[in-house]
N, C-alpha and C. Protein backbone atom coordinates (compact mmCIF):
# COMPACT_ATOMS: atom_id res chain seq x y z
N MET A 1 -47.70 -81.18 -39.90
CA MET A 1 -47.63 -79.81 -39.39
C MET A 1 -46.74 -78.96 -40.30
N HIS A 2 -47.21 -77.77 -40.64
CA HIS A 2 -46.43 -76.89 -41.49
C HIS A 2 -45.28 -76.29 -40.68
N GLU A 3 -44.06 -76.38 -41.23
CA GLU A 3 -42.91 -75.85 -40.52
C GLU A 3 -42.82 -74.33 -40.65
N ILE A 4 -43.33 -73.77 -41.74
CA ILE A 4 -43.39 -72.32 -41.90
C ILE A 4 -44.82 -71.93 -42.24
N LEU A 5 -45.39 -71.01 -41.48
CA LEU A 5 -46.77 -70.57 -41.70
C LEU A 5 -46.75 -69.45 -42.73
N TRP A 6 -46.73 -69.83 -43.99
CA TRP A 6 -46.48 -68.87 -45.06
C TRP A 6 -47.57 -67.82 -45.22
N ILE A 7 -48.82 -68.24 -45.23
CA ILE A 7 -49.91 -67.28 -45.49
C ILE A 7 -49.97 -66.20 -44.41
N PRO A 8 -50.00 -66.57 -43.11
CA PRO A 8 -49.98 -65.51 -42.09
C PRO A 8 -48.72 -64.64 -42.17
N PHE A 9 -47.58 -65.27 -42.51
CA PHE A 9 -46.33 -64.51 -42.60
C PHE A 9 -46.40 -63.47 -43.71
N ILE A 10 -46.88 -63.85 -44.88
CA ILE A 10 -46.95 -62.92 -46.01
C ILE A 10 -47.92 -61.78 -45.72
N ILE A 11 -49.08 -62.11 -45.15
CA ILE A 11 -50.07 -61.07 -44.83
C ILE A 11 -49.49 -60.08 -43.82
N ALA A 12 -48.89 -60.60 -42.76
CA ALA A 12 -48.32 -59.74 -41.72
C ALA A 12 -47.15 -58.92 -42.27
N SER A 13 -46.34 -59.52 -43.12
CA SER A 13 -45.18 -58.83 -43.67
C SER A 13 -45.59 -57.66 -44.55
N VAL A 14 -46.58 -57.89 -45.41
CA VAL A 14 -47.05 -56.81 -46.28
C VAL A 14 -47.57 -55.64 -45.44
N ALA A 15 -48.28 -55.95 -44.37
CA ALA A 15 -48.82 -54.90 -43.50
C ALA A 15 -47.70 -54.11 -42.84
N VAL A 16 -46.67 -54.82 -42.35
CA VAL A 16 -45.56 -54.16 -41.66
C VAL A 16 -44.73 -53.33 -42.63
N ILE A 17 -44.39 -53.89 -43.78
CA ILE A 17 -43.54 -53.20 -44.75
C ILE A 17 -44.21 -51.94 -45.30
N SER A 18 -45.54 -51.97 -45.39
CA SER A 18 -46.28 -50.84 -45.98
C SER A 18 -46.38 -49.65 -45.04
N ILE A 19 -46.05 -49.85 -43.77
CA ILE A 19 -46.12 -48.73 -42.81
C ILE A 19 -44.99 -47.75 -43.10
N PRO A 20 -45.28 -46.47 -43.31
CA PRO A 20 -44.22 -45.49 -43.58
C PRO A 20 -43.26 -45.40 -42.41
N GLY A 21 -41.98 -45.36 -42.72
CA GLY A 21 -40.98 -45.28 -41.66
C GLY A 21 -39.69 -44.70 -42.17
N GLN A 22 -38.63 -44.93 -41.43
CA GLN A 22 -37.31 -44.39 -41.75
C GLN A 22 -36.85 -44.78 -43.15
N ASP A 23 -36.96 -46.07 -43.48
CA ASP A 23 -36.48 -46.54 -44.78
C ASP A 23 -37.26 -45.93 -45.93
N MET A 24 -38.59 -45.89 -45.78
CA MET A 24 -39.43 -45.35 -46.84
C MET A 24 -39.13 -43.86 -47.06
N MET A 25 -38.93 -43.12 -45.97
CA MET A 25 -38.62 -41.71 -46.08
C MET A 25 -37.29 -41.50 -46.78
N LEU A 26 -36.30 -42.33 -46.47
CA LEU A 26 -34.99 -42.23 -47.09
C LEU A 26 -35.08 -42.52 -48.58
N ILE A 27 -35.83 -43.55 -48.95
CA ILE A 27 -36.00 -43.91 -50.37
C ILE A 27 -36.71 -42.78 -51.12
N MET A 28 -37.77 -42.25 -50.55
CA MET A 28 -38.51 -41.17 -51.19
C MET A 28 -37.63 -39.95 -51.41
N THR A 29 -36.87 -39.57 -50.38
CA THR A 29 -36.02 -38.38 -50.47
C THR A 29 -34.97 -38.54 -51.55
N LYS A 30 -34.29 -39.68 -51.58
CA LYS A 30 -33.25 -39.90 -52.57
C LYS A 30 -33.82 -39.97 -53.98
N SER A 31 -35.00 -40.58 -54.11
CA SER A 31 -35.62 -40.70 -55.43
C SER A 31 -36.08 -39.34 -55.95
N ILE A 32 -36.62 -38.51 -55.06
CA ILE A 32 -37.07 -37.18 -55.47
C ILE A 32 -35.89 -36.28 -55.82
N SER A 33 -34.85 -36.35 -55.01
CA SER A 33 -33.73 -35.43 -55.21
C SER A 33 -32.75 -35.88 -56.28
N GLU A 34 -32.60 -37.20 -56.47
CA GLU A 34 -31.59 -37.70 -57.40
C GLU A 34 -32.16 -38.51 -58.57
N GLY A 35 -33.46 -38.82 -58.53
CA GLY A 35 -34.06 -39.57 -59.61
C GLY A 35 -34.40 -41.00 -59.24
N ILE A 36 -35.10 -41.69 -60.15
CA ILE A 36 -35.58 -43.04 -59.90
C ILE A 36 -34.44 -44.01 -59.58
N GLY A 37 -33.35 -43.92 -60.36
CA GLY A 37 -32.22 -44.82 -60.14
C GLY A 37 -31.67 -44.73 -58.73
N ALA A 38 -31.61 -43.50 -58.20
CA ALA A 38 -31.11 -43.29 -56.85
C ALA A 38 -32.04 -43.95 -55.83
N GLY A 39 -33.34 -43.82 -56.05
CA GLY A 39 -34.30 -44.44 -55.14
C GLY A 39 -34.22 -45.95 -55.17
N VAL A 40 -34.04 -46.52 -56.37
CA VAL A 40 -33.93 -47.97 -56.49
C VAL A 40 -32.66 -48.47 -55.80
N CYS A 41 -31.56 -47.74 -55.97
CA CYS A 41 -30.30 -48.12 -55.32
C CYS A 41 -30.45 -48.09 -53.80
N THR A 42 -31.12 -47.05 -53.30
CA THR A 42 -31.33 -46.94 -51.86
C THR A 42 -32.20 -48.08 -51.35
N ALA A 43 -33.26 -48.42 -52.10
CA ALA A 43 -34.13 -49.52 -51.72
C ALA A 43 -33.36 -50.85 -51.72
N SER A 44 -32.45 -51.00 -52.67
CA SER A 44 -31.63 -52.21 -52.71
C SER A 44 -30.73 -52.30 -51.47
N GLY A 45 -30.18 -51.15 -51.08
CA GLY A 45 -29.34 -51.12 -49.88
C GLY A 45 -30.13 -51.46 -48.63
N VAL A 46 -31.36 -50.96 -48.55
CA VAL A 46 -32.23 -51.26 -47.41
C VAL A 46 -32.47 -52.77 -47.32
N SER A 47 -32.72 -53.40 -48.46
CA SER A 47 -32.96 -54.85 -48.47
C SER A 47 -31.70 -55.61 -48.06
N LEU A 48 -30.53 -55.12 -48.48
CA LEU A 48 -29.29 -55.76 -48.05
C LEU A 48 -29.15 -55.67 -46.53
N GLY A 49 -29.52 -54.52 -45.97
CA GLY A 49 -29.47 -54.37 -44.52
C GLY A 49 -30.34 -55.40 -43.82
N LEU A 50 -31.50 -55.69 -44.39
CA LEU A 50 -32.39 -56.70 -43.81
C LEU A 50 -31.77 -58.09 -43.89
N ILE A 51 -31.02 -58.35 -44.96
CA ILE A 51 -30.35 -59.64 -45.08
C ILE A 51 -29.29 -59.79 -43.99
N VAL A 52 -28.57 -58.69 -43.71
CA VAL A 52 -27.57 -58.72 -42.64
C VAL A 52 -28.25 -59.00 -41.30
N HIS A 53 -29.38 -58.33 -41.04
CA HIS A 53 -30.13 -58.58 -39.80
C HIS A 53 -30.60 -60.03 -39.74
N THR A 54 -30.98 -60.58 -40.89
CA THR A 54 -31.42 -61.97 -40.94
C THR A 54 -30.31 -62.91 -40.48
N LEU A 55 -29.10 -62.68 -40.98
CA LEU A 55 -27.96 -63.53 -40.60
C LEU A 55 -27.64 -63.37 -39.12
N ILE A 56 -27.69 -62.13 -38.63
CA ILE A 56 -27.39 -61.88 -37.22
C ILE A 56 -28.38 -62.61 -36.31
N VAL A 57 -29.66 -62.50 -36.63
CA VAL A 57 -30.70 -63.11 -35.79
C VAL A 57 -30.69 -64.63 -35.94
N SER A 58 -30.52 -65.13 -37.15
CA SER A 58 -30.58 -66.57 -37.39
C SER A 58 -29.49 -67.34 -36.66
N PHE A 59 -28.31 -66.75 -36.54
CA PHE A 59 -27.21 -67.45 -35.90
C PHE A 59 -27.04 -67.08 -34.43
N GLY A 60 -28.06 -66.46 -33.86
CA GLY A 60 -28.06 -66.22 -32.43
C GLY A 60 -27.31 -64.99 -31.98
N LEU A 61 -26.69 -64.26 -32.91
CA LEU A 61 -25.94 -63.07 -32.51
C LEU A 61 -26.87 -61.96 -32.04
N GLY A 62 -28.10 -61.97 -32.59
CA GLY A 62 -29.07 -60.96 -32.19
C GLY A 62 -29.38 -61.07 -30.69
N SER A 63 -29.57 -62.29 -30.22
CA SER A 63 -29.85 -62.49 -28.79
C SER A 63 -28.67 -62.07 -27.93
N LEU A 64 -27.45 -62.31 -28.43
CA LEU A 64 -26.25 -61.91 -27.71
C LEU A 64 -26.17 -60.40 -27.58
N ILE A 65 -26.46 -59.72 -28.68
CA ILE A 65 -26.43 -58.25 -28.67
C ILE A 65 -27.50 -57.69 -27.74
N MET A 66 -28.68 -58.29 -27.80
CA MET A 66 -29.78 -57.81 -26.96
C MET A 66 -29.47 -58.04 -25.48
N ALA A 67 -28.67 -59.07 -25.19
CA ALA A 67 -28.33 -59.37 -23.80
C ALA A 67 -27.21 -58.48 -23.28
N SER A 68 -26.50 -57.82 -24.18
CA SER A 68 -25.37 -56.97 -23.77
C SER A 68 -25.77 -55.50 -23.84
N GLU A 69 -25.80 -54.86 -22.70
CA GLU A 69 -26.13 -53.44 -22.63
C GLU A 69 -25.14 -52.62 -23.46
N TYR A 70 -23.86 -52.98 -23.38
CA TYR A 70 -22.82 -52.22 -24.09
C TYR A 70 -22.98 -52.33 -25.61
N LEU A 71 -23.12 -53.57 -26.12
CA LEU A 71 -23.26 -53.76 -27.57
C LEU A 71 -24.52 -53.10 -28.09
N PHE A 72 -25.61 -53.22 -27.34
CA PHE A 72 -26.86 -52.62 -27.77
C PHE A 72 -26.73 -51.10 -27.85
N TRP A 73 -26.09 -50.50 -26.84
CA TRP A 73 -25.90 -49.05 -26.83
C TRP A 73 -25.00 -48.61 -27.97
N MET A 74 -23.97 -49.37 -28.28
CA MET A 74 -23.08 -49.01 -29.38
C MET A 74 -23.82 -48.97 -30.71
N ILE A 75 -24.63 -50.00 -30.96
CA ILE A 75 -25.40 -50.05 -32.20
C ILE A 75 -26.43 -48.92 -32.24
N LYS A 76 -27.07 -48.70 -31.10
CA LYS A 76 -28.09 -47.66 -31.03
C LYS A 76 -27.49 -46.26 -31.27
N LEU A 77 -26.36 -45.99 -30.67
CA LEU A 77 -25.72 -44.69 -30.84
C LEU A 77 -25.23 -44.51 -32.28
N ALA A 78 -24.70 -45.58 -32.87
CA ALA A 78 -24.24 -45.50 -34.25
C ALA A 78 -25.41 -45.23 -35.20
N GLY A 79 -26.52 -45.92 -34.96
CA GLY A 79 -27.71 -45.71 -35.81
C GLY A 79 -28.26 -44.31 -35.68
N ALA A 80 -28.36 -43.80 -34.45
CA ALA A 80 -28.88 -42.46 -34.24
C ALA A 80 -27.95 -41.41 -34.84
N ALA A 81 -26.64 -41.59 -34.66
CA ALA A 81 -25.67 -40.64 -35.20
C ALA A 81 -25.74 -40.58 -36.72
N TYR A 82 -25.92 -41.74 -37.35
CA TYR A 82 -26.01 -41.77 -38.80
C TYR A 82 -27.26 -41.05 -39.29
N LEU A 83 -28.37 -41.25 -38.60
CA LEU A 83 -29.60 -40.56 -38.98
C LEU A 83 -29.47 -39.05 -38.77
N PHE A 84 -28.81 -38.65 -37.70
CA PHE A 84 -28.59 -37.22 -37.46
C PHE A 84 -27.74 -36.61 -38.58
N TYR A 85 -26.77 -37.38 -39.06
CA TYR A 85 -25.92 -36.92 -40.17
C TYR A 85 -26.75 -36.72 -41.44
N LEU A 86 -27.60 -37.71 -41.75
CA LEU A 86 -28.47 -37.59 -42.92
C LEU A 86 -29.45 -36.42 -42.76
N ALA A 87 -30.01 -36.30 -41.56
CA ALA A 87 -30.97 -35.22 -41.29
C ALA A 87 -30.32 -33.86 -41.45
N TYR A 88 -29.08 -33.72 -40.96
CA TYR A 88 -28.38 -32.43 -41.05
C TYR A 88 -28.21 -32.01 -42.51
N ASN A 89 -27.80 -32.95 -43.35
CA ASN A 89 -27.60 -32.63 -44.77
C ASN A 89 -28.91 -32.22 -45.44
N LEU A 90 -30.02 -32.83 -45.02
CA LEU A 90 -31.31 -32.48 -45.60
C LEU A 90 -31.82 -31.14 -45.07
N LEU A 91 -31.63 -30.90 -43.79
CA LEU A 91 -32.13 -29.67 -43.17
C LEU A 91 -31.42 -28.43 -43.69
N LYS A 92 -30.15 -28.55 -44.06
CA LYS A 92 -29.42 -27.39 -44.55
C LYS A 92 -29.52 -27.23 -46.07
N SER A 93 -30.31 -28.10 -46.71
CA SER A 93 -30.48 -28.02 -48.16
C SER A 93 -31.17 -26.73 -48.57
N ASP A 94 -30.70 -26.16 -49.68
CA ASP A 94 -31.33 -24.94 -50.21
C ASP A 94 -32.39 -25.26 -51.27
N GLY A 95 -32.61 -26.56 -51.49
CA GLY A 95 -33.64 -26.96 -52.44
C GLY A 95 -33.14 -27.07 -53.88
N LYS A 96 -31.88 -26.69 -54.12
CA LYS A 96 -31.33 -26.75 -55.47
C LYS A 96 -30.59 -28.07 -55.65
N ILE A 97 -30.82 -28.71 -56.79
CA ILE A 97 -30.19 -29.99 -57.09
C ILE A 97 -29.13 -29.79 -58.16
N ASN A 98 -27.90 -30.09 -57.81
CA ASN A 98 -26.81 -29.97 -58.78
C ASN A 98 -26.74 -31.23 -59.63
N PRO A 99 -26.72 -31.11 -60.97
CA PRO A 99 -26.65 -32.29 -61.82
C PRO A 99 -25.36 -33.07 -61.59
N VAL A 100 -25.46 -34.38 -61.71
CA VAL A 100 -24.30 -35.26 -61.51
C VAL A 100 -23.78 -35.71 -62.85
N SER A 101 -22.47 -35.59 -63.05
CA SER A 101 -21.89 -35.99 -64.32
C SER A 101 -21.96 -37.51 -64.46
N SER A 102 -21.92 -37.98 -65.71
CA SER A 102 -22.02 -39.41 -65.96
C SER A 102 -20.85 -40.17 -65.34
N GLN A 103 -19.67 -39.50 -65.23
CA GLN A 103 -18.52 -40.16 -64.64
C GLN A 103 -18.73 -40.43 -63.16
N LYS A 104 -19.51 -39.58 -62.50
CA LYS A 104 -19.73 -39.73 -61.07
C LYS A 104 -21.00 -40.51 -60.75
N GLN A 105 -21.80 -40.86 -61.78
CA GLN A 105 -23.09 -41.51 -61.54
C GLN A 105 -22.94 -42.84 -60.83
N ASN A 106 -22.00 -43.67 -61.29
CA ASN A 106 -21.83 -44.99 -60.68
C ASN A 106 -21.41 -44.90 -59.23
N SER A 107 -20.45 -44.00 -58.93
CA SER A 107 -20.01 -43.85 -57.55
C SER A 107 -21.13 -43.30 -56.68
N LEU A 108 -21.98 -42.44 -57.25
CA LEU A 108 -23.12 -41.90 -56.50
C LEU A 108 -24.08 -43.02 -56.14
N TRP A 109 -24.40 -43.89 -57.09
CA TRP A 109 -25.36 -44.96 -56.84
C TRP A 109 -24.80 -45.97 -55.83
N ILE A 110 -23.48 -46.22 -55.89
CA ILE A 110 -22.86 -47.09 -54.89
C ILE A 110 -22.99 -46.46 -53.52
N SER A 111 -22.78 -45.14 -53.46
CA SER A 111 -22.92 -44.42 -52.19
C SER A 111 -24.34 -44.51 -51.66
N LEU A 112 -25.32 -44.37 -52.54
CA LEU A 112 -26.72 -44.44 -52.13
C LEU A 112 -27.08 -45.85 -51.65
N PHE A 113 -26.54 -46.86 -52.34
CA PHE A 113 -26.75 -48.25 -51.91
C PHE A 113 -26.21 -48.43 -50.50
N ALA A 114 -25.02 -47.86 -50.26
CA ALA A 114 -24.41 -47.96 -48.93
C ALA A 114 -25.23 -47.19 -47.90
N HIS A 115 -25.78 -46.03 -48.29
CA HIS A 115 -26.62 -45.25 -47.38
C HIS A 115 -27.79 -46.09 -46.89
N GLY A 116 -28.47 -46.74 -47.84
CA GLY A 116 -29.63 -47.56 -47.48
C GLY A 116 -29.25 -48.71 -46.58
N ALA A 117 -28.12 -49.37 -46.88
CA ALA A 117 -27.69 -50.52 -46.09
C ALA A 117 -27.28 -50.10 -44.68
N VAL A 118 -26.45 -49.06 -44.57
CA VAL A 118 -25.96 -48.62 -43.26
C VAL A 118 -27.11 -48.12 -42.40
N SER A 119 -28.02 -47.36 -43.01
CA SER A 119 -29.17 -46.85 -42.26
C SER A 119 -29.98 -47.98 -41.65
N ASN A 120 -30.10 -49.08 -42.38
CA ASN A 120 -30.88 -50.21 -41.91
C ASN A 120 -30.12 -51.07 -40.90
N ILE A 121 -28.85 -51.37 -41.22
CA ILE A 121 -28.05 -52.23 -40.35
C ILE A 121 -27.87 -51.62 -38.97
N SER A 122 -27.72 -50.29 -38.92
CA SER A 122 -27.44 -49.62 -37.65
C SER A 122 -28.70 -49.27 -36.86
N ASN A 123 -29.83 -49.81 -37.29
CA ASN A 123 -31.08 -49.55 -36.58
C ASN A 123 -31.43 -50.75 -35.69
N PRO A 124 -31.23 -50.64 -34.37
CA PRO A 124 -31.49 -51.79 -33.49
C PRO A 124 -32.96 -52.16 -33.42
N LYS A 125 -33.84 -51.24 -33.79
CA LYS A 125 -35.27 -51.54 -33.76
C LYS A 125 -35.61 -52.70 -34.70
N ILE A 126 -34.89 -52.79 -35.81
CA ILE A 126 -35.15 -53.86 -36.77
C ILE A 126 -34.73 -55.20 -36.19
N MET A 127 -33.62 -55.21 -35.45
CA MET A 127 -33.18 -56.45 -34.82
C MET A 127 -34.20 -56.91 -33.77
N ILE A 128 -34.70 -55.94 -32.99
CA ILE A 128 -35.73 -56.27 -32.00
C ILE A 128 -36.97 -56.83 -32.69
N PHE A 129 -37.34 -56.20 -33.80
CA PHE A 129 -38.51 -56.65 -34.56
C PHE A 129 -38.31 -58.07 -35.09
N TYR A 130 -37.15 -58.33 -35.69
CA TYR A 130 -36.87 -59.66 -36.24
C TYR A 130 -36.92 -60.73 -35.15
N LEU A 131 -36.32 -60.43 -34.00
CA LEU A 131 -36.29 -61.40 -32.91
C LEU A 131 -37.69 -61.75 -32.42
N ALA A 132 -38.59 -60.77 -32.48
CA ALA A 132 -39.96 -60.99 -32.00
C ALA A 132 -40.88 -61.52 -33.10
N PHE A 133 -40.62 -61.10 -34.34
CA PHE A 133 -41.56 -61.35 -35.44
C PHE A 133 -41.36 -62.71 -36.11
N LEU A 134 -40.16 -63.01 -36.53
CA LEU A 134 -39.92 -64.20 -37.33
C LEU A 134 -40.28 -65.51 -36.65
N PRO A 135 -39.92 -65.72 -35.36
CA PRO A 135 -40.22 -67.02 -34.73
C PRO A 135 -41.71 -67.35 -34.67
N GLN A 136 -42.57 -66.34 -34.76
CA GLN A 136 -44.01 -66.59 -34.68
C GLN A 136 -44.52 -67.45 -35.84
N PHE A 137 -43.77 -67.46 -36.93
CA PHE A 137 -44.25 -68.14 -38.13
C PHE A 137 -43.49 -69.44 -38.41
N ILE A 138 -42.81 -69.93 -37.38
CA ILE A 138 -42.13 -71.23 -37.47
C ILE A 138 -42.88 -72.20 -36.57
N GLY A 139 -43.33 -73.30 -37.14
CA GLY A 139 -44.13 -74.27 -36.40
C GLY A 139 -43.36 -74.92 -35.27
N HIS A 140 -44.09 -75.37 -34.25
CA HIS A 140 -43.47 -76.04 -33.11
C HIS A 140 -42.84 -77.36 -33.55
N GLY A 141 -41.68 -77.67 -32.98
CA GLY A 141 -41.02 -78.92 -33.29
C GLY A 141 -40.40 -78.97 -34.67
N THR A 142 -40.20 -77.81 -35.29
CA THR A 142 -39.64 -77.78 -36.63
C THR A 142 -38.18 -78.21 -36.63
N THR A 143 -37.77 -78.80 -37.73
CA THR A 143 -36.36 -79.17 -37.88
C THR A 143 -35.62 -78.00 -38.53
N ASN A 144 -34.33 -77.89 -38.23
CA ASN A 144 -33.49 -76.83 -38.79
C ASN A 144 -34.09 -75.44 -38.61
N PRO A 145 -34.33 -74.99 -37.38
CA PRO A 145 -34.93 -73.68 -37.16
C PRO A 145 -34.08 -72.54 -37.71
N VAL A 146 -32.75 -72.71 -37.73
CA VAL A 146 -31.89 -71.65 -38.28
C VAL A 146 -32.19 -71.43 -39.75
N ILE A 147 -32.34 -72.53 -40.50
CA ILE A 147 -32.66 -72.42 -41.92
C ILE A 147 -34.02 -71.76 -42.12
N LYS A 148 -34.98 -72.11 -41.26
CA LYS A 148 -36.31 -71.52 -41.37
C LYS A 148 -36.28 -70.02 -41.09
N MET A 149 -35.49 -69.60 -40.09
CA MET A 149 -35.36 -68.19 -39.77
C MET A 149 -34.73 -67.44 -40.94
N MET A 150 -33.71 -68.05 -41.53
CA MET A 150 -33.05 -67.41 -42.67
C MET A 150 -33.99 -67.31 -43.86
N THR A 151 -34.78 -68.35 -44.08
CA THR A 151 -35.74 -68.34 -45.19
C THR A 151 -36.76 -67.22 -45.02
N LEU A 152 -37.30 -67.10 -43.81
CA LEU A 152 -38.27 -66.05 -43.54
C LEU A 152 -37.65 -64.66 -43.66
N GLY A 153 -36.45 -64.50 -43.11
CA GLY A 153 -35.78 -63.20 -43.16
C GLY A 153 -35.45 -62.78 -44.59
N LEU A 154 -34.96 -63.70 -45.40
CA LEU A 154 -34.64 -63.40 -46.79
C LEU A 154 -35.90 -63.09 -47.58
N THR A 155 -36.98 -63.82 -47.29
CA THR A 155 -38.25 -63.55 -47.96
C THR A 155 -38.75 -62.15 -47.60
N PHE A 156 -38.62 -61.80 -46.32
CA PHE A 156 -39.04 -60.47 -45.87
C PHE A 156 -38.23 -59.38 -46.57
N ALA A 157 -36.92 -59.62 -46.74
CA ALA A 157 -36.06 -58.64 -47.42
C ALA A 157 -36.48 -58.46 -48.88
N CYS A 158 -36.77 -59.57 -49.55
CA CYS A 158 -37.21 -59.50 -50.96
C CYS A 158 -38.55 -58.79 -51.08
N MET A 159 -39.47 -59.09 -50.17
CA MET A 159 -40.77 -58.43 -50.18
C MET A 159 -40.62 -56.93 -49.93
N THR A 160 -39.68 -56.59 -49.05
CA THR A 160 -39.43 -55.17 -48.77
C THR A 160 -39.01 -54.43 -50.03
N PHE A 161 -38.10 -55.03 -50.80
CA PHE A 161 -37.65 -54.39 -52.04
C PHE A 161 -38.81 -54.24 -53.02
N LEU A 162 -39.62 -55.29 -53.17
CA LEU A 162 -40.72 -55.25 -54.13
C LEU A 162 -41.79 -54.21 -53.75
N ILE A 163 -41.98 -54.02 -52.44
CA ILE A 163 -42.99 -53.05 -51.99
C ILE A 163 -42.43 -51.63 -52.01
N LYS A 164 -41.13 -51.47 -51.69
CA LYS A 164 -40.53 -50.15 -51.69
C LYS A 164 -40.22 -49.66 -53.10
N LEU A 165 -40.08 -50.58 -54.05
CA LEU A 165 -39.74 -50.21 -55.43
C LEU A 165 -40.76 -49.24 -56.03
N PRO A 166 -42.07 -49.51 -55.92
CA PRO A 166 -43.04 -48.54 -56.46
C PRO A 166 -42.93 -47.17 -55.79
N VAL A 167 -42.53 -47.14 -54.51
CA VAL A 167 -42.33 -45.86 -53.82
C VAL A 167 -41.21 -45.08 -54.50
N ALA A 168 -40.11 -45.78 -54.82
CA ALA A 168 -39.00 -45.13 -55.52
C ALA A 168 -39.42 -44.65 -56.90
N LEU A 169 -40.18 -45.48 -57.61
CA LEU A 169 -40.62 -45.12 -58.96
C LEU A 169 -41.56 -43.92 -58.94
N PHE A 170 -42.54 -43.94 -58.05
CA PHE A 170 -43.50 -42.84 -57.97
C PHE A 170 -42.81 -41.54 -57.55
N SER A 171 -41.93 -41.64 -56.56
CA SER A 171 -41.22 -40.45 -56.08
C SER A 171 -40.32 -39.89 -57.18
N GLY A 172 -39.70 -40.80 -57.96
CA GLY A 172 -38.85 -40.35 -59.05
C GLY A 172 -39.63 -39.61 -60.12
N LEU A 173 -40.87 -40.03 -60.35
CA LEU A 173 -41.70 -39.34 -61.35
C LEU A 173 -42.02 -37.92 -60.91
N LEU A 174 -42.05 -37.70 -59.59
CA LEU A 174 -42.30 -36.35 -59.07
C LEU A 174 -41.05 -35.48 -59.11
N SER A 175 -39.90 -36.13 -59.33
CA SER A 175 -38.62 -35.44 -59.22
C SER A 175 -38.53 -34.25 -60.18
N ASP A 176 -38.82 -34.47 -61.46
CA ASP A 176 -38.71 -33.38 -62.44
C ASP A 176 -39.62 -32.23 -62.12
N LEU A 177 -40.83 -32.53 -61.65
CA LEU A 177 -41.79 -31.48 -61.31
C LEU A 177 -41.30 -30.66 -60.13
N LEU A 178 -40.80 -31.34 -59.09
CA LEU A 178 -40.35 -30.64 -57.90
C LEU A 178 -39.05 -29.87 -58.12
N LYS A 179 -38.19 -30.39 -59.00
CA LYS A 179 -36.93 -29.71 -59.25
C LYS A 179 -37.13 -28.33 -59.87
N LYS A 180 -38.26 -28.15 -60.53
CA LYS A 180 -38.57 -26.84 -61.12
C LYS A 180 -39.07 -25.86 -60.09
N ASN A 181 -39.41 -26.38 -58.92
CA ASN A 181 -39.93 -25.52 -57.85
C ASN A 181 -38.99 -25.64 -56.64
N VAL A 182 -38.05 -24.69 -56.56
CA VAL A 182 -37.02 -24.75 -55.53
C VAL A 182 -37.63 -24.71 -54.13
N SER A 183 -38.64 -23.88 -53.94
CA SER A 183 -39.24 -23.76 -52.60
C SER A 183 -39.92 -25.06 -52.19
N ALA A 184 -40.57 -25.73 -53.15
CA ALA A 184 -41.22 -27.01 -52.85
C ALA A 184 -40.17 -28.07 -52.53
N MET A 185 -39.07 -28.09 -53.29
CA MET A 185 -38.01 -29.04 -53.04
C MET A 185 -37.37 -28.80 -51.69
N LYS A 186 -37.19 -27.53 -51.33
CA LYS A 186 -36.62 -27.20 -50.02
C LYS A 186 -37.53 -27.71 -48.90
N TRP A 187 -38.84 -27.56 -49.09
CA TRP A 187 -39.80 -28.03 -48.09
C TRP A 187 -39.73 -29.55 -47.94
N VAL A 188 -39.64 -30.25 -49.07
CA VAL A 188 -39.56 -31.72 -49.05
C VAL A 188 -38.30 -32.17 -48.33
N MET A 189 -37.16 -31.55 -48.67
CA MET A 189 -35.89 -31.95 -48.08
C MET A 189 -35.86 -31.67 -46.58
N ARG A 190 -36.32 -30.50 -46.18
CA ARG A 190 -36.27 -30.15 -44.77
C ARG A 190 -37.29 -30.95 -43.95
N SER A 191 -38.44 -31.23 -44.54
CA SER A 191 -39.41 -32.07 -43.84
C SER A 191 -38.86 -33.48 -43.65
N SER A 192 -38.22 -33.99 -44.68
CA SER A 192 -37.61 -35.32 -44.58
C SER A 192 -36.50 -35.33 -43.54
N GLY A 193 -35.71 -34.26 -43.52
CA GLY A 193 -34.64 -34.15 -42.53
C GLY A 193 -35.20 -34.13 -41.12
N GLY A 194 -36.30 -33.41 -40.93
CA GLY A 194 -36.93 -33.35 -39.61
C GLY A 194 -37.43 -34.71 -39.16
N ILE A 195 -38.01 -35.46 -40.08
CA ILE A 195 -38.52 -36.79 -39.74
C ILE A 195 -37.38 -37.74 -39.39
N LEU A 196 -36.29 -37.68 -40.15
CA LEU A 196 -35.14 -38.53 -39.86
C LEU A 196 -34.50 -38.15 -38.52
N PHE A 197 -34.50 -36.86 -38.22
CA PHE A 197 -33.95 -36.41 -36.93
C PHE A 197 -34.79 -36.96 -35.78
N LEU A 198 -36.11 -36.89 -35.91
CA LEU A 198 -36.99 -37.41 -34.87
C LEU A 198 -36.86 -38.93 -34.74
N THR A 199 -36.63 -39.59 -35.89
CA THR A 199 -36.41 -41.04 -35.86
C THR A 199 -35.14 -41.38 -35.10
N GLY A 200 -34.10 -40.55 -35.30
CA GLY A 200 -32.86 -40.75 -34.56
C GLY A 200 -33.06 -40.59 -33.07
N ILE A 201 -33.86 -39.60 -32.67
CA ILE A 201 -34.19 -39.41 -31.26
C ILE A 201 -34.91 -40.64 -30.71
N ARG A 202 -35.84 -41.16 -31.51
CA ARG A 202 -36.61 -42.32 -31.09
C ARG A 202 -35.70 -43.53 -30.89
N ILE A 203 -34.70 -43.70 -31.78
CA ILE A 203 -33.78 -44.81 -31.64
C ILE A 203 -32.96 -44.70 -30.36
N LEU A 204 -32.61 -43.46 -29.99
CA LEU A 204 -31.84 -43.26 -28.75
C LEU A 204 -32.60 -43.75 -27.53
N PHE A 205 -33.92 -43.70 -27.59
CA PHE A 205 -34.73 -44.11 -26.45
C PHE A 205 -35.24 -45.55 -26.60
N GLU A 206 -34.76 -46.25 -27.64
CA GLU A 206 -35.15 -47.65 -27.84
C GLU A 206 -34.63 -48.50 -26.70
N LYS A 207 -35.48 -49.36 -26.17
CA LYS A 207 -35.08 -50.24 -25.08
C LYS A 207 -34.83 -51.63 -25.60
N ARG A 208 -33.87 -52.32 -25.01
CA ARG A 208 -33.62 -53.70 -25.40
C ARG A 208 -34.55 -54.64 -24.67
N SER A 209 -34.81 -55.81 -25.24
CA SER A 209 -35.68 -56.79 -24.60
C SER A 209 -34.96 -57.40 -23.41
N VAL A 210 -35.71 -57.68 -22.37
CA VAL A 210 -35.13 -58.31 -21.18
C VAL A 210 -35.92 -59.56 -20.82
């Protein structure tokens, strides 16, 4: 008996990762506004967030959080508040991009990496998804289920980066074109802000499993 159902897992993962959502919108926005490097850094942060969720779920902390109304609400409120913060900055954008000096480039990319990670870690929907999704691809009677959960979660995180990477690259290629058109850039930023704001609202209404 196969302990990990790899083929169904890979097919299902590609389908799930390819669905546009909060992470993809964040990567696209950062890549368009700051360039390809910024998008790649954000995508890397998103994948790190998935690794953190993997550790939480694999060691049973995810079930503990889902069982606690207080902990679940704290994470949910933190995630929504962070998205509202990102949305506010995008909605008030005038569409103009100020160039970043080379001295500040490294700190900017570290900040973007952190943006991607925090946005992902503070999203309880991902924890709910992991708790429901990963166990489906572990065979009955498997040995070391914790290791299998970690293997699947880490694989999902790596696949996420590989699939989101072309999004960052393509969006970055549009960056120079859009930067020349302030009105178009303003529309992109404000539309992205609106989507992130609605995502934050959706997270506020997320229910925990019972």
